[in-house]
Amino acid sequence: MSESFKALFNGRLNSVITVSLLILFAWLASELLPWGLFNAVFAVDLNACREARGEGACWGVVGEKWKLIIFGRYPF
């Protein structure tokens, strides 16, 4: 086994912390993936985004406003 893997389970406290964090990350992924990817709207469509409200993310605004997000109001 590698040294980093051994460090994750070296003793009871490290094992409990490792398993707890794995459970936490699995729970977060199960909550965020459906919202952020599976039920998300990627098109620039306001009506579709309004229909997905509360169930999925609206990523169309990122595609529409990416220059503003990256550069702010600085001239292109």
PDB file of N, CA and C in Angstrom:
ATOM      1  N   MET A   1       0.827  -1.186   0.000  1.00  0.00           N
ATOM      2  CA  MET A   1       0.000   0.000   0.000  1.00  0.00           C
ATOM      3  C   MET A   1       0.870   1.248   0.000  1.00  0.00           C
ATOM      4  N   SER A   2       0.322   2.317  -0.533  1.00  0.00           N
ATOM      5  CA  SER A   2       1.091   3.554  -0.569  1.00  0.00           C
ATOM      6  C   SER A   2       1.077   4.226   0.801  1.00  0.00           C
ATOM      7  N   GLU A   3       2.022   5.116   0.992  1.00  0.00           N
ATOM      8  CA  GLU A   3       2.153   5.814   2.277  1.00  0.00           C
ATOM      9  C   GLU A   3       0.945   6.711   2.555  1.00  0.00           C
ATOM     10  N   SER A   4       0.417   7.364   1.533  1.00  0.00           N
ATOM     11  CA  SER A   4      -0.722   8.252   1.761  1.00  0.00           C
ATOM     12  C   SER A   4      -1.965   7.464   2.152  1.00  0.00           C
ATOM     13  N   PHE A   5      -2.146   6.280   1.557  1.00  0.00           N
ATOM     14  CA  PHE A   5      -3.276   5.441   1.931  1.00  0.00           C
ATOM     15  C   PHE A   5      -3.139   4.946   3.366  1.00  0.00           C
ATOM     16  N   LYS A   6      -1.938   4.590   3.755  1.00  0.00           N
ATOM     17  CA  LYS A   6      -1.704   4.142   5.132  1.00  0.00           C
ATOM     18  C   LYS A   6      -1.981   5.262   6.126  1.00  0.00           C
ATOM     19  N   ALA A   7      -1.656   6.491   5.759  1.00  0.00           N
ATOM     20  CA  ALA A   7      -1.873   7.621   6.663  1.00  0.00           C
ATOM     21  C   ALA A   7      -3.363   7.880   6.880  1.00  0.00           C
ATOM     22  N   LEU A   8      -4.195   7.561   5.888  1.00  0.00           N
ATOM     23  CA  LEU A   8      -5.637   7.788   6.035  1.00  0.00           C
ATOM     24  C   LEU A   8      -6.262   6.862   7.073  1.00  0.00           C
ATOM     25  N   PHE A   9      -5.696   5.688   7.244  1.00  0.00           N
ATOM     26  CA  PHE A   9      -6.266   4.712   8.177  1.00  0.00           C
ATOM     27  C   PHE A   9      -5.284   4.335   9.278  1.00  0.00           C
ATOM     28  N   ASN A  10      -4.390   5.237   9.641  1.00  0.00           N
ATOM     29  CA  ASN A  10      -3.413   4.997  10.680  1.00  0.00           C
ATOM     30  C   ASN A  10      -4.027   5.369  12.029  1.00  0.00           C
ATOM     31  N   GLY A  11      -4.635   4.420  12.682  1.00  0.00           N
ATOM     32  CA  GLY A  11      -5.248   4.658  13.981  1.00  0.00           C
ATOM     33  C   GLY A  11      -6.752   4.849  13.866  1.00  0.00           C
ATOM     34  N   ARG A  12      -7.415   4.789  14.993  1.00  0.00           N
ATOM     35  CA  ARG A  12      -8.880   4.895  15.021  1.00  0.00           C
ATOM     36  C   ARG A  12      -9.375   6.273  14.600  1.00  0.00           C
ATOM     37  N   LEU A  13      -8.749   7.314  15.119  1.00  0.00           N
ATOM     38  CA  LEU A  13      -9.205   8.670  14.818  1.00  0.00           C
ATOM     39  C   LEU A  13      -9.090   8.967  13.330  1.00  0.00           C
ATOM     40  N   ASN A  14      -7.955   8.630  12.725  1.00  0.00           N
ATOM     41  CA  ASN A  14      -7.793   8.859  11.288  1.00  0.00           C
ATOM     42  C   ASN A  14      -8.790   8.039  10.481  1.00  0.00           C
ATOM     43  N   SER A  15      -9.065   6.827  10.898  1.00  0.00           N
ATOM     44  CA  SER A  15     -10.031   5.991  10.193  1.00  0.00           C
ATOM     45  C   SER A  15     -11.436   6.579  10.276  1.00  0.00           C
ATOM     46  N   VAL A  16     -11.822   7.045  11.470  1.00  0.00           N
ATOM     47  CA  VAL A  16     -13.150   7.640  11.650  1.00  0.00           C
ATOM     48  C   VAL A  16     -13.282   8.915  10.825  1.00  0.00           C
ATOM     49  N   ILE A  17     -12.259   9.740  10.821  1.00  0.00           N
ATOM     50  CA  ILE A  17     -12.292  10.974  10.040  1.00  0.00           C
ATOM     51  C   ILE A  17     -12.366  10.661   8.552  1.00  0.00           C
ATOM     52  N   THR A  18     -11.584   9.703   8.089  1.00  0.00           N
ATOM     53  CA  THR A  18     -11.579   9.331   6.672  1.00  0.00           C
ATOM     54  C   THR A  18     -12.943   8.817   6.236  1.00  0.00           C
ATOM     55  N   VAL A  19     -13.513   7.901   6.994  1.00  0.00           N
ATOM     56  CA  VAL A  19     -14.813   7.334   6.633  1.00  0.00           C
ATOM     57  C   VAL A  19     -15.898   8.408   6.716  1.00  0.00           C
ATOM     58  N   SER A  20     -15.833   9.274   7.716  1.00  0.00           N
ATOM     59  CA  SER A  20     -16.828  10.342   7.848  1.00  0.00           C
ATOM     60  C   SER A  20     -16.770  11.296   6.659  1.00  0.00           C
ATOM     61  N   LEU A  21     -15.573  11.661   6.239  1.00  0.00           N
ATOM     62  CA  LEU A  21     -15.442  12.552   5.093  1.00  0.00           C
ATOM     63  C   LEU A  21     -15.888  11.884   3.796  1.00  0.00           C
ATOM     64  N   LEU A  22     -15.620  10.607   3.649  1.00  0.00           N
ATOM     65  CA  LEU A  22     -16.105   9.883   2.468  1.00  0.00           C
ATOM     66  C   LEU A  22     -17.630   9.856   2.418  1.00  0.00           C
ATOM     67  N   ILE A  23     -18.256   9.644   3.561  1.00  0.00           N
ATOM     68  CA  ILE A  23     -19.723   9.664   3.633  1.00  0.00           C
ATOM     69  C   ILE A  23     -20.248  11.057   3.317  1.00  0.00           C
ATOM     70  N   LEU A  24     -19.611  12.087   3.857  1.00  0.00           N
ATOM     71  CA  LEU A  24     -20.025  13.461   3.598  1.00  0.00           C
ATOM     72  C   LEU A  24     -19.906  13.803   2.113  1.00  0.00           C
ATOM     73  N   PHE A  25     -18.790  13.451   1.481  1.00  0.00           N
ATOM     74  CA  PHE A  25     -18.599  13.723   0.057  1.00  0.00           C
ATOM     75  C   PHE A  25     -19.590  12.948  -0.807  1.00  0.00           C
ATOM     76  N   ALA A  26     -19.899  11.717  -0.423  1.00  0.00           N
ATOM     77  CA  ALA A  26     -20.888  10.934  -1.170  1.00  0.00           C
ATOM     78  C   ALA A  26     -22.270  11.571  -1.063  1.00  0.00           C
ATOM     79  N   TRP A  27     -22.622  12.042   0.121  1.00  0.00           N
ATOM     80  CA  TRP A  27     -23.918  12.706   0.298  1.00  0.00           C
ATOM     81  C   TRP A  27     -23.981  14.004  -0.498  1.00  0.00           C
ATOM     82  N   LEU A  28     -22.896  14.800  -0.457  1.00  0.00           N
ATOM     83  CA  LEU A  28     -22.871  16.041  -1.229  1.00  0.00           C
ATOM     84  C   LEU A  28     -22.987  15.773  -2.729  1.00  0.00           C
ATOM     85  N   ALA A  29     -22.298  14.763  -3.202  1.00  0.00           N
ATOM     86  CA  ALA A  29     -22.372  14.425  -4.626  1.00  0.00           C
ATOM     87  C   ALA A  29     -23.777  13.984  -5.010  1.00  0.00           C
ATOM     88  N   SER A  30     -24.432  13.220  -4.136  1.00  0.00           N
ATOM     89  CA  SER A  30     -25.790  12.759  -4.442  1.00  0.00           C
ATOM     90  C   SER A  30     -26.784  13.912  -4.450  1.00  0.00           C
ATOM     91  N   GLU A  31     -26.493  14.982  -3.736  1.00  0.00           N
ATOM     92  CA  GLU A  31     -27.369  16.153  -3.730  1.00  0.00           C
ATOM     93  C   GLU A  31     -27.036  17.124  -4.862  1.00  0.00           C
ATOM     94  N   LEU A  32     -25.768  17.317  -5.158  1.00  0.00           N
ATOM     95  CA  LEU A  32     -25.365  18.332  -6.127  1.00  0.00           C
ATOM     96  C   LEU A  32     -25.404  17.855  -7.579  1.00  0.00           C
ATOM     97  N   LEU A  33     -25.095  16.603  -7.835  1.00  0.00           N
ATOM     98  CA  LEU A  33     -25.081  16.118  -9.214  1.00  0.00           C
ATOM     99  C   LEU A  33     -26.447  16.203  -9.889  1.00  0.00           C
ATOM    100  N   PRO A  34     -27.523  15.761  -9.261  1.00  0.00           N
ATOM    101  CA  PRO A  34     -28.819  15.924  -9.931  1.00  0.00           C
ATOM    102  C   PRO A  34     -29.165  17.396 -10.193  1.00  0.00           C
ATOM    103  N   TRP A  35     -28.893  18.262  -9.255  1.00  0.00           N
ATOM    104  CA  TRP A  35     -29.196  19.682  -9.418  1.00  0.00           C
ATOM    105  C   TRP A  35     -28.278  20.332 -10.452  1.00  0.00           C
ATOM    106  N   GLY A  36     -26.992  20.051 -10.372  1.00  0.00           N
ATOM    107  CA  GLY A  36     -26.027  20.738 -11.209  1.00  0.00           C
ATOM    108  C   GLY A  36     -25.868  20.178 -12.611  1.00  0.00           C
ATOM    109  N   LEU A  37     -26.198  18.908 -12.827  1.00  0.00           N
ATOM    110  CA  LEU A  37     -25.990  18.297 -14.146  1.00  0.00           C
ATOM    111  C   LEU A  37     -27.239  17.646 -14.729  1.00  0.00           C
ATOM    112  N   PHE A  38     -27.851  16.744 -13.982  1.00  0.00           N
ATOM    113  CA  PHE A  38     -28.900  15.906 -14.549  1.00  0.00           C
ATOM    114  C   PHE A  38     -30.196  16.672 -14.789  1.00  0.00           C
ATOM    115  N   ASN A  39     -30.591  17.556 -13.886  1.00  0.00           N
ATOM    116  CA  ASN A  39     -31.827  18.330 -14.028  1.00  0.00           C
ATOM    117  C   ASN A  39     -31.554  19.755 -14.469  1.00  0.00           C
ATOM    118  N   ALA A  40     -30.347  20.046 -14.885  1.00  0.00           N
ATOM    119  CA  ALA A  40     -29.956  21.412 -15.220  1.00  0.00           C
ATOM    120  C   ALA A  40     -30.389  21.786 -16.632  1.00  0.00           C
ATOM    121  N   VAL A  41     -30.490  23.097 -16.840  1.00  0.00           N
ATOM    122  CA  VAL A  41     -30.803  23.656 -18.154  1.00  0.00           C
ATOM    123  C   VAL A  41     -29.532  24.315 -18.664  1.00  0.00           C
ATOM    124  N   PHE A  42     -29.069  23.905 -19.842  1.00  0.00           N
ATOM    125  CA  PHE A  42     -27.841  24.449 -20.400  1.00  0.00           C
ATOM    126  C   PHE A  42     -28.116  25.452 -21.517  1.00  0.00           C
ATOM    127  N   ALA A  43     -29.345  25.485 -21.998  1.00  0.00           N
ATOM    128  CA  ALA A  43     -29.704  26.407 -23.071  1.00  0.00           C
ATOM    129  C   ALA A  43     -29.961  27.801 -22.507  1.00  0.00           C
ATOM    130  N   VAL A  44     -29.780  28.802 -23.361  1.00  0.00           N
ATOM    131  CA  VAL A  44     -30.074  30.182 -22.966  1.00  0.00           C
ATOM    132  C   VAL A  44     -31.560  30.393 -23.215  1.00  0.00           C
ATOM    133  N   ASP A  45     -32.369  29.950 -22.264  1.00  0.00           N
ATOM    134  CA  ASP A  45     -33.822  30.011 -22.404  1.00  0.00           C
ATOM    135  C   ASP A  45     -34.433  30.347 -21.045  1.00  0.00           C
ATOM    136  N   LEU A  46     -34.979  31.546 -20.927  1.00  0.00           N
ATOM    137  CA  LEU A  46     -35.514  32.010 -19.651  1.00  0.00           C
ATOM    138  C   LEU A  46     -36.679  31.156 -19.189  1.00  0.00           C
ATOM    139  N   ASN A  47     -37.562  30.779 -20.098  1.00  0.00           N
ATOM    140  CA  ASN A  47     -38.723  29.968 -19.704  1.00  0.00           C
ATOM    141  C   ASN A  47     -38.298  28.589 -19.205  1.00  0.00           C
ATOM    142  N   ALA A  48     -37.320  27.983 -19.856  1.00  0.00           N
ATOM    143  CA  ALA A  48     -36.827  26.675 -19.405  1.00  0.00           C
ATOM    144  C   ALA A  48     -36.172  26.788 -18.038  1.00  0.00           C
ATOM    145  N   CYS A  49     -35.462  27.889 -17.815  1.00  0.00           N
ATOM    146  CA  CYS A  49     -34.830  28.087 -16.508  1.00  0.00           C
ATOM    147  C   CYS A  49     -35.875  28.296 -15.423  1.00  0.00           C
ATOM    148  N   ARG A  50     -36.915  29.016 -15.749  1.00  0.00           N
ATOM    149  CA  ARG A  50     -37.986  29.218 -14.755  1.00  0.00           C
ATOM    150  C   ARG A  50     -38.697  27.918 -14.431  1.00  0.00           C
ATOM    151  N   GLU A  51     -38.870  27.053 -15.414  1.00  0.00           N
ATOM    152  CA  GLU A  51     -39.500  25.753 -15.170  1.00  0.00           C
ATOM    153  C   GLU A  51     -38.621  24.848 -14.308  1.00  0.00           C
ATOM    154  N   ALA A  52     -37.312  24.996 -14.416  1.00  0.00           N
ATOM    155  CA  ALA A  52     -36.380  24.151 -13.653  1.00  0.00           C
ATOM    156  C   ALA A  52     -36.084  24.724 -12.273  1.00  0.00           C
ATOM    157  N   ARG A  53     -36.678  25.851 -11.926  1.00  0.00           N
ATOM    158  CA  ARG A  53     -36.393  26.487 -10.636  1.00  0.00           C
ATOM    159  C   ARG A  53     -36.695  25.531  -9.486  1.00  0.00           C
ATOM    160  N   GLY A  54     -35.720  25.385  -8.612  1.00  0.00           N
ATOM    161  CA  GLY A  54     -35.864  24.515  -7.452  1.00  0.00           C
ATOM    162  C   GLY A  54     -35.477  23.078  -7.716  1.00  0.00           C
ATOM    163  N   GLU A  55     -35.346  22.691  -8.981  1.00  0.00           N
ATOM    164  CA  GLU A  55     -34.994  21.310  -9.312  1.00  0.00           C
ATOM    165  C   GLU A  55     -33.665  21.187 -10.033  1.00  0.00           C
ATOM    166  N   GLY A  56     -33.257  22.246 -10.732  1.00  0.00           N
ATOM    167  CA  GLY A  56     -32.012  22.170 -11.487  1.00  0.00           C
ATOM    168  C   GLY A  56     -31.392  23.531 -11.684  1.00  0.00           C
ATOM    169  N   ALA A  57     -30.125  23.526 -11.966  1.00  0.00           N
ATOM    170  CA  ALA A  57     -29.386  24.767 -12.169  1.00  0.00           C
ATOM    171  C   ALA A  57     -29.685  25.331 -13.551  1.00  0.00           C
ATOM    172  N   CYS A  58     -29.470  26.623 -13.705  1.00  0.00           N
ATOM    173  CA  CYS A  58     -29.632  27.293 -14.989  1.00  0.00           C
ATOM    174  C   CYS A  58     -28.251  27.762 -15.438  1.00  0.00           C
ATOM    175  N   TRP A  59     -27.613  26.985 -16.301  1.00  0.00           N
ATOM    176  CA  TRP A  59     -26.258  27.285 -16.753  1.00  0.00           C
ATOM    177  C   TRP A  59     -26.243  28.151 -17.998  1.00  0.00           C
ATOM    178  N   GLY A  60     -27.383  28.440 -18.581  1.00  0.00           N
ATOM    179  CA  GLY A  60     -27.433  29.270 -19.768  1.00  0.00           C
ATOM    180  C   GLY A  60     -26.893  30.665 -19.532  1.00  0.00           C
ATOM    181  N   VAL A  61     -27.082  31.181 -18.349  1.00  0.00           N
ATOM    182  CA  VAL A  61     -26.579  32.518 -18.031  1.00  0.00           C
ATOM    183  C   VAL A  61     -25.057  32.554 -18.051  1.00  0.00           C
ATOM    184  N   VAL A  62     -24.417  31.461 -17.723  1.00  0.00           N
ATOM    185  CA  VAL A  62     -22.950  31.410 -17.755  1.00  0.00           C
ATOM    186  C   VAL A  62     -22.465  31.499 -19.203  1.00  0.00           C
ATOM    187  N   GLY A  63     -23.130  30.779 -20.110  1.00  0.00           N
ATOM    188  CA  GLY A  63     -22.761  30.850 -21.513  1.00  0.00           C
ATOM    189  C   GLY A  63     -23.034  32.213 -22.123  1.00  0.00           C
ATOM    190  N   GLU A  64     -24.072  32.860 -21.643  1.00  0.00           N
ATOM    191  CA  GLU A  64     -24.444  34.167 -22.176  1.00  0.00           C
ATOM    192  C   GLU A  64     -23.561  35.285 -21.623  1.00  0.00           C
ATOM    193  N   LYS A  65     -23.166  35.196 -20.381  1.00  0.00           N
ATOM    194  CA  LYS A  65     -22.446  36.279 -19.711  1.00  0.00           C
ATOM    195  C   LYS A  65     -21.020  35.914 -19.325  1.00  0.00           C
ATOM    196  N   TRP A  66     -20.385  34.976 -20.047  1.00  0.00           N
ATOM    197  CA  TRP A  66     -19.067  34.508 -19.641  1.00  0.00           C
ATOM    198  C   TRP A  66     -18.017  35.606 -19.688  1.00  0.00           C
ATOM    199  N   LYS A  67     -18.108  36.527 -20.636  1.00  0.00           N
ATOM    200  CA  LYS A  67     -17.121  37.605 -20.686  1.00  0.00           C
ATOM    201  C   LYS A  67     -17.234  38.509 -19.468  1.00  0.00           C
ATOM    202  N   LEU A  68     -18.461  38.802 -19.060  1.00  0.00           N
ATOM    203  CA  LEU A  68     -18.664  39.627 -17.866  1.00  0.00           C
ATOM    204  C   LEU A  68     -18.177  38.910 -16.616  1.00  0.00           C
ATOM    205  N   ILE A  69     -18.393  37.612 -16.551  1.00  0.00           N
ATOM    206  CA  ILE A  69     -17.955  36.833 -15.392  1.00  0.00           C
ATOM    207  C   ILE A  69     -16.428  36.825 -15.297  1.00  0.00           C
ATOM    208  N   ILE A  70     -15.760  36.651 -16.425  1.00  0.00           N
ATOM    209  CA  ILE A  70     -14.299  36.547 -16.417  1.00  0.00           C
ATOM    210  C   ILE A  70     -13.623  37.909 -16.289  1.00  0.00           C
ATOM    211  N   PHE A  71     -14.056  38.880 -17.109  1.00  0.00           N
ATOM    212  CA  PHE A  71     -13.361  40.166 -17.171  1.00  0.00           C
ATOM    213  C   PHE A  71     -14.009  41.259 -16.332  1.00  0.00           C
ATOM    214  N   GLY A  72     -15.227  41.051 -15.882  1.00  0.00           N
ATOM    215  CA  GLY A  72     -15.936  42.123 -15.170  1.00  0.00           C
ATOM    216  C   GLY A  72     -16.313  43.212 -16.145  1.00  0.00           C
ATOM    217  N   ARG A  73     -16.247  44.435 -15.710  1.00  0.00           N
ATOM    218  CA  ARG A  73     -16.607  45.546 -16.574  1.00  0.00           C
ATOM    219  C   ARG A  73     -15.406  46.142 -17.287  1.00  0.00           C
ATOM    220  N   TYR A  74     -14.267  45.479 -17.179  1.00  0.00           N
ATOM    221  CA  TYR A  74     -13.067  45.938 -17.858  1.00  0.00           C
ATOM    222  C   TYR A  74     -13.279  45.819 -19.369  1.00  0.00           C
ATOM    223  N   PRO A  75     -12.870  46.804 -20.154  1.00  0.00           N
ATOM    224  CA  PRO A  75     -13.101  46.740 -21.615  1.00  0.00           C
ATOM    225  C   PRO A  75     -12.384  45.536 -22.243  1.00  0.00           C
ATOM    226  N   PHE A  76     -13.036  44.898 -23.189  1.00  0.00           N
ATOM    227  CA  PHE A  76     -12.461  43.745 -23.867  1.00  0.00           C
ATOM    228  C   PHE A  76     -11.346  44.210 -24.753  1.00  0.00           C
TER     229      PHE A  76
END
